[in-house]
Amino acid sequence: MDKKLIISISAIIAILAIAFFSQKSYSKKFGETLISGATNQASAYLAKGSDWVMSNVYSKITGEVQKRGDIIQTELTKEKEKISENVGEKIGNYFSGITNSILHPGTANSCATQPTSN
């Protein structure tokens, strides 16, 4: 019990001493040096992490994105062609219906796209 009490009191004294001395003006230079060193070390770790991400993750992602983009582009081109064919077919049917109604007036269903009136 005595050993734990001595360790606890020593820890409290150390914390209070750090708090007290950190408020003194002569410790300002030490704090600046400590912060500068920590910033430099963090920058180094960040640069290493960024290099690792660029070499391991980014290269894999860009390849997959390019592959998926090509697939999507191909599908979009196919759908555009289908729409163009469908529109062309409907326009052709419309004009053939008009031509039939002009050439064969009075026959039933001479104009396929003409709505029936009630």
C-alpha atoms as a PDB file:
ATOM      1  CA  MET A   1       0.000   0.000   0.000  1.00  0.00           C
ATOM      2  CA  ASP A   2       2.819   2.395   0.835  1.00  0.00           C
ATOM      3  CA  LYS A   3       4.508   1.792  -2.539  1.00  0.00           C
ATOM      4  CA  LYS A   4       1.301   2.655  -4.465  1.00  0.00           C
ATOM      5  CA  LEU A   5       0.814   5.771  -2.380  1.00  0.00           C
ATOM      6  CA  ILE A   6       4.379   6.970  -3.060  1.00  0.00           C
ATOM      7  CA  ILE A   7       3.992   6.348  -6.835  1.00  0.00           C
ATOM      8  CA  SER A   8       0.649   8.207  -6.887  1.00  0.00           C
ATOM      9  CA  ILE A   9       2.031  11.190  -4.986  1.00  0.00           C
ATOM     10  CA  SER A  10       5.125  11.276  -7.249  1.00  0.00           C
ATOM     11  CA  ALA A  11       2.890  11.266 -10.359  1.00  0.00           C
ATOM     12  CA  ILE A  12       0.789  14.113  -8.969  1.00  0.00           C
ATOM     13  CA  ILE A  13       3.907  16.141  -8.126  1.00  0.00           C
ATOM     14  CA  ALA A  14       5.306  15.540 -11.627  1.00  0.00           C
ATOM     15  CA  ILE A  15       2.055  16.668 -13.266  1.00  0.00           C
ATOM     16  CA  LEU A  16       1.892  19.788 -11.102  1.00  0.00           C
ATOM     17  CA  ALA A  17       5.557  20.588 -11.826  1.00  0.00           C
ATOM     18  CA  ILE A  18       4.986  20.269 -15.582  1.00  0.00           C
ATOM     19  CA  ALA A  19       1.904  22.493 -15.356  1.00  0.00           C
ATOM     20  CA  PHE A  20       3.782  25.087 -13.275  1.00  0.00           C
ATOM     21  CA  PHE A  21       6.925  25.231 -15.413  1.00  0.00           C
ATOM     22  CA  SER A  22       4.960  25.302 -18.655  1.00  0.00           C
ATOM     23  CA  GLN A  23       3.574  28.693 -17.605  1.00  0.00           C
ATOM     24  CA  LYS A  24       7.009  30.261 -17.150  1.00  0.00           C
ATOM     25  CA  SER A  25       8.486  32.422 -19.926  1.00  0.00           C
ATOM     26  CA  TYR A  26      11.786  30.505 -20.118  1.00  0.00           C
ATOM     27  CA  SER A  27       9.904  27.338 -21.007  1.00  0.00           C
ATOM     28  CA  LYS A  28       8.446  29.040 -24.100  1.00  0.00           C
ATOM     29  CA  LYS A  29      11.510  28.208 -26.204  1.00  0.00           C
ATOM     30  CA  PHE A  30      11.417  24.593 -25.046  1.00  0.00           C
ATOM     31  CA  GLY A  31       7.713  24.378 -25.977  1.00  0.00           C
ATOM     32  CA  GLU A  32       8.341  25.875 -29.408  1.00  0.00           C
ATOM     33  CA  THR A  33      11.157  23.387 -30.011  1.00  0.00           C
ATOM     34  CA  LEU A  34       8.954  20.514 -28.886  1.00  0.00           C
ATOM     35  CA  ILE A  35       6.058  21.604 -31.105  1.00  0.00           C
ATOM     36  CA  SER A  36       8.364  22.178 -34.070  1.00  0.00           C
ATOM     37  CA  GLY A  37       9.860  18.708 -33.688  1.00  0.00           C
ATOM     38  CA  ALA A  38       6.414  17.128 -33.383  1.00  0.00           C
ATOM     39  CA  THR A  39       5.229  19.005 -36.488  1.00  0.00           C
ATOM     40  CA  ASN A  40       8.255  17.831 -38.484  1.00  0.00           C
ATOM     41  CA  GLN A  41       7.727  14.247 -37.364  1.00  0.00           C
ATOM     42  CA  ALA A  42       4.016  14.394 -38.211  1.00  0.00           C
ATOM     43  CA  SER A  43       4.847  15.824 -41.647  1.00  0.00           C
ATOM     44  CA  ALA A  44       7.251  12.954 -42.289  1.00  0.00           C
ATOM     45  CA  TYR A  45       4.646  10.363 -41.297  1.00  0.00           C
ATOM     46  CA  LEU A  46       2.029  12.099 -43.416  1.00  0.00           C
ATOM     47  CA  ALA A  47       4.347  12.124 -46.442  1.00  0.00           C
ATOM     48  CA  LYS A  48       5.112   8.413 -46.009  1.00  0.00           C
ATOM     49  CA  GLY A  49       1.403   7.647 -45.658  1.00  0.00           C
ATOM     50  CA  SER A  50       0.576   9.701 -48.727  1.00  0.00           C
ATOM     51  CA  ASP A  51       3.251   7.910 -50.758  1.00  0.00           C
ATOM     52  CA  TRP A  52       1.891   4.531 -49.624  1.00  0.00           C
ATOM     53  CA  VAL A  53      -1.664   5.510 -50.565  1.00  0.00           C
ATOM     54  CA  MET A  54      -0.549   6.754 -53.979  1.00  0.00           C
ATOM     55  CA  SER A  55       1.455   3.603 -54.743  1.00  0.00           C
ATOM     56  CA  ASN A  56      -0.843   0.931 -53.273  1.00  0.00           C
ATOM     57  CA  VAL A  57      -4.392   2.232 -53.184  1.00  0.00           C
ATOM     58  CA  TYR A  58      -4.641   4.929 -55.846  1.00  0.00           C
ATOM     59  CA  SER A  59      -3.163   2.804 -58.633  1.00  0.00           C
ATOM     60  CA  LYS A  60      -5.660   0.004 -57.970  1.00  0.00           C
ATOM     61  CA  ILE A  61      -8.605   2.376 -57.745  1.00  0.00           C
ATOM     62  CA  THR A  62      -7.781   4.289 -60.924  1.00  0.00           C
ATOM     63  CA  GLY A  63      -7.459   1.070 -62.930  1.00  0.00           C
ATOM     64  CA  GLU A  64     -10.811  -0.172 -61.699  1.00  0.00           C
ATOM     65  CA  VAL A  65     -12.483   3.184 -62.277  1.00  0.00           C
ATOM     66  CA  GLN A  66     -11.122   3.289 -65.830  1.00  0.00           C
ATOM     67  CA  LYS A  67     -12.388  -0.230 -66.515  1.00  0.00           C
ATOM     68  CA  ARG A  68     -15.840   0.521 -65.103  1.00  0.00           C
ATOM     69  CA  GLY A  69     -15.948   3.824 -66.983  1.00  0.00           C
ATOM     70  CA  ASP A  70     -15.270   2.029 -70.256  1.00  0.00           C
ATOM     71  CA  ILE A  71     -18.072  -0.448 -69.534  1.00  0.00           C
ATOM     72  CA  ILE A  72     -20.511   2.363 -68.728  1.00  0.00           C
ATOM     73  CA  GLN A  73     -19.494   4.291 -71.845  1.00  0.00           C
ATOM     74  CA  THR A  74     -20.100   1.198 -74.005  1.00  0.00           C
ATOM     75  CA  GLU A  75     -23.529   0.652 -72.462  1.00  0.00           C
ATOM     76  CA  LEU A  76     -24.454   4.306 -72.918  1.00  0.00           C
ATOM     77  CA  THR A  77     -23.462   4.134 -76.579  1.00  0.00           C
ATOM     78  CA  LYS A  78     -25.617   1.012 -77.046  1.00  0.00           C
ATOM     79  CA  GLU A  79     -28.609   2.695 -75.397  1.00  0.00           C
ATOM     80  CA  LYS A  80     -28.198   5.822 -77.528  1.00  0.00           C
ATOM     81  CA  GLU A  81     -28.170   3.665 -80.660  1.00  0.00           C
ATOM     82  CA  LYS A  82     -31.324   1.839 -79.512  1.00  0.00           C
ATOM     83  CA  ILE A  83     -33.082   5.141 -78.852  1.00  0.00           C
ATOM     84  CA  SER A  84     -32.016   6.517 -82.234  1.00  0.00           C
ATOM     85  CA  GLU A  85     -33.261   3.382 -83.999  1.00  0.00           C
ATOM     86  CA  ASN A  86     -36.535   3.454 -82.077  1.00  0.00           C
ATOM     87  CA  VAL A  87     -37.148   7.131 -82.844  1.00  0.00           C
ATOM     88  CA  GLY A  88     -36.227   6.595 -86.502  1.00  0.00           C
ATOM     89  CA  GLU A  89     -38.621   3.660 -86.731  1.00  0.00           C
ATOM     90  CA  LYS A  90     -41.473   5.641 -85.166  1.00  0.00           C
ATOM     91  CA  ILE A  91     -40.873   8.588 -87.501  1.00  0.00           C
ATOM     92  CA  GLY A  92     -40.814   6.174 -90.448  1.00  0.00           C
ATOM     93  CA  ASN A  93     -44.094   4.598 -89.321  1.00  0.00           C
ATOM     94  CA  TYR A  94     -45.674   8.006 -88.922  1.00  0.00           C
ATOM     95  CA  PHE A  95     -44.735   9.164 -92.411  1.00  0.00           C
ATOM     96  CA  SER A  96     -45.689   5.828 -93.998  1.00  0.00           C
ATOM     97  CA  GLY A  97     -49.071   6.157 -92.303  1.00  0.00           C
ATOM     98  CA  ILE A  98     -49.491   9.648 -93.730  1.00  0.00           C
ATOM     99  CA  THR A  99     -48.424   8.381 -97.179  1.00  0.00           C
ATOM    100  CA  ASN A 100     -50.936   5.500 -96.982  1.00  0.00           C
ATOM    101  CA  SER A 101     -53.741   7.859 -95.973  1.00  0.00           C
ATOM    102  CA  ILE A 102     -52.934  10.106 -98.970  1.00  0.00           C
ATOM    103  CA  LEU A 103     -52.581   7.256-101.489  1.00  0.00           C
ATOM    104  CA  HIS A 104     -55.488   5.173-100.183  1.00  0.00           C
ATOM    105  CA  PRO A 105     -58.060   7.533 -98.738  1.00  0.00           C
ATOM    106  CA  GLY A 106     -61.067   5.926 -97.127  1.00  0.00           C
ATOM    107  CA  THR A 107     -59.498   2.541 -96.303  1.00  0.00           C
ATOM    108  CA  ALA A 108     -59.486   1.458 -92.703  1.00  0.00           C
ATOM    109  CA  ASN A 109     -56.200   1.777 -90.800  1.00  0.00           C
ATOM    110  CA  SER A 110     -54.588   3.810 -93.549  1.00  0.00           C
ATOM    111  CA  CYS A 111     -52.834   5.931 -90.929  1.00  0.00           C
ATOM    112  CA  ALA A 112     -51.406   3.715 -88.190  1.00  0.00           C
ATOM    113  CA  THR A 113     -50.572   6.526 -85.770  1.00  0.00           C
ATOM    114  CA  GLN A 114     -53.860   8.436 -86.237  1.00  0.00           C
ATOM    115  CA  PRO A 115     -55.986   8.228 -83.066  1.00  0.00           C
ATOM    116  CA  THR A 116     -59.516   6.906 -83.350  1.00  0.00           C
ATOM    117  CA  SER A 117     -62.267   9.380 -82.541  1.00  0.00           C
ATOM    118  CA  ASN A 118     -65.287   8.324 -80.501  1.00  0.00           C
END
